[in-house]
């Protein structure tokens, strides 16, 4: 089953982390989202 709240948390964390390191943080939430789906 999907967990939207967990995905939203990762995206929120990613957007904050993006300010320091964009390229590394972009691939992280995408991979996690695919696993959760």
N, C-alpha and C. Protein backbone atom coordinates (compact mmCIF):
# COMPACT_ATOMS: atom_id res chain seq x y z
N UNK A 1 0.84 -1.21 0.00
CA UNK A 1 0.00 0.00 0.00
C UNK A 1 0.87 1.26 0.00
N UNK A 2 0.37 2.30 -0.64
CA UNK A 2 1.14 3.54 -0.71
C UNK A 2 0.99 4.35 0.58
N UNK A 3 2.04 5.08 0.91
CA UNK A 3 2.00 5.94 2.10
C UNK A 3 2.30 7.38 1.70
N UNK A 4 1.28 8.13 1.31
CA UNK A 4 1.46 9.50 0.82
C UNK A 4 2.18 10.40 1.84
N UNK A 5 1.87 10.22 3.11
CA UNK A 5 2.47 11.07 4.14
C UNK A 5 3.99 10.89 4.16
N UNK A 6 4.43 9.67 3.92
CA UNK A 6 5.87 9.40 3.94
C UNK A 6 6.54 10.01 2.71
N UNK A 7 5.86 9.94 1.58
CA UNK A 7 6.39 10.52 0.35
C UNK A 7 6.48 12.04 0.46
N UNK A 8 5.43 12.65 1.01
CA UNK A 8 5.41 14.10 1.20
C UNK A 8 6.54 14.53 2.13
N UNK A 9 6.78 13.74 3.17
CA UNK A 9 7.87 14.05 4.10
C UNK A 9 9.21 14.04 3.37
N UNK A 10 9.41 13.04 2.52
CA UNK A 10 10.67 12.94 1.79
C UNK A 10 10.83 14.10 0.82
N UNK A 11 9.74 14.49 0.17
CA UNK A 11 9.80 15.61 -0.78
C UNK A 11 10.08 16.91 -0.05
N UNK A 12 9.48 17.07 1.13
CA UNK A 12 9.72 18.27 1.92
C UNK A 12 11.17 18.33 2.38
N UNK A 13 11.67 17.21 2.87
CA UNK A 13 13.06 17.13 3.29
C UNK A 13 13.99 17.39 2.11
N UNK A 14 13.61 16.86 0.96
CA UNK A 14 14.42 17.03 -0.25
C UNK A 14 14.48 18.49 -0.67
N UNK A 15 13.36 19.19 -0.61
CA UNK A 15 13.33 20.59 -1.04
C UNK A 15 14.22 21.45 -0.14
N UNK A 16 14.27 21.11 1.15
CA UNK A 16 15.14 21.84 2.08
C UNK A 16 16.61 21.49 1.80
N UNK A 17 16.87 20.23 1.54
CA UNK A 17 18.24 19.77 1.29
C UNK A 17 18.76 20.27 -0.05
N UNK A 18 17.83 20.55 -0.97
CA UNK A 18 18.21 21.02 -2.30
C UNK A 18 19.05 22.27 -2.26
N UNK A 19 18.82 23.10 -1.26
CA UNK A 19 19.52 24.37 -1.17
C UNK A 19 21.03 24.16 -1.03
N UNK A 20 21.44 23.04 -0.45
CA UNK A 20 22.86 22.80 -0.22
C UNK A 20 23.47 21.92 -1.32
N UNK A 21 22.72 20.89 -1.74
CA UNK A 21 23.28 19.98 -2.73
C UNK A 21 22.17 19.47 -3.66
N UNK A 22 22.04 20.12 -4.81
CA UNK A 22 20.90 19.85 -5.69
C UNK A 22 21.01 18.48 -6.37
N UNK A 23 22.12 18.21 -7.01
CA UNK A 23 22.23 17.01 -7.84
C UNK A 23 22.06 15.71 -7.04
N UNK A 24 22.67 15.63 -5.87
CA UNK A 24 22.58 14.40 -5.08
C UNK A 24 21.16 14.19 -4.53
N UNK A 25 20.50 15.27 -4.13
CA UNK A 25 19.20 15.15 -3.49
C UNK A 25 18.09 14.84 -4.48
N UNK A 26 18.31 15.15 -5.75
CA UNK A 26 17.26 14.92 -6.75
C UNK A 26 16.98 13.44 -6.95
N UNK A 27 18.01 12.61 -6.97
CA UNK A 27 17.83 11.19 -7.24
C UNK A 27 17.33 10.43 -6.01
N UNK A 28 17.53 11.00 -4.82
CA UNK A 28 17.16 10.31 -3.59
C UNK A 28 15.65 10.09 -3.43
N UNK A 29 14.81 11.13 -3.45
CA UNK A 29 13.38 10.93 -3.23
C UNK A 29 12.73 10.13 -4.35
N UNK A 30 13.27 10.23 -5.55
CA UNK A 30 12.71 9.48 -6.68
C UNK A 30 12.87 7.98 -6.45
N UNK A 31 14.04 7.57 -5.99
CA UNK A 31 14.30 6.16 -5.74
C UNK A 31 13.42 5.64 -4.61
N UNK A 32 13.29 6.43 -3.55
CA UNK A 32 12.48 6.03 -2.40
C UNK A 32 11.01 5.92 -2.79
N UNK A 33 10.54 6.85 -3.60
CA UNK A 33 9.14 6.83 -4.02
C UNK A 33 8.84 5.58 -4.83
N UNK A 34 9.78 5.18 -5.69
CA UNK A 34 9.58 3.98 -6.50
C UNK A 34 9.50 2.74 -5.62
N UNK A 35 10.28 2.71 -4.56
CA UNK A 35 10.27 1.56 -3.65
C UNK A 35 8.95 1.51 -2.89
N UNK A 36 8.46 2.67 -2.45
CA UNK A 36 7.22 2.72 -1.69
C UNK A 36 6.02 2.32 -2.54
N UNK A 37 6.07 2.66 -3.84
CA UNK A 37 4.97 2.31 -4.74
C UNK A 37 4.96 0.81 -4.95
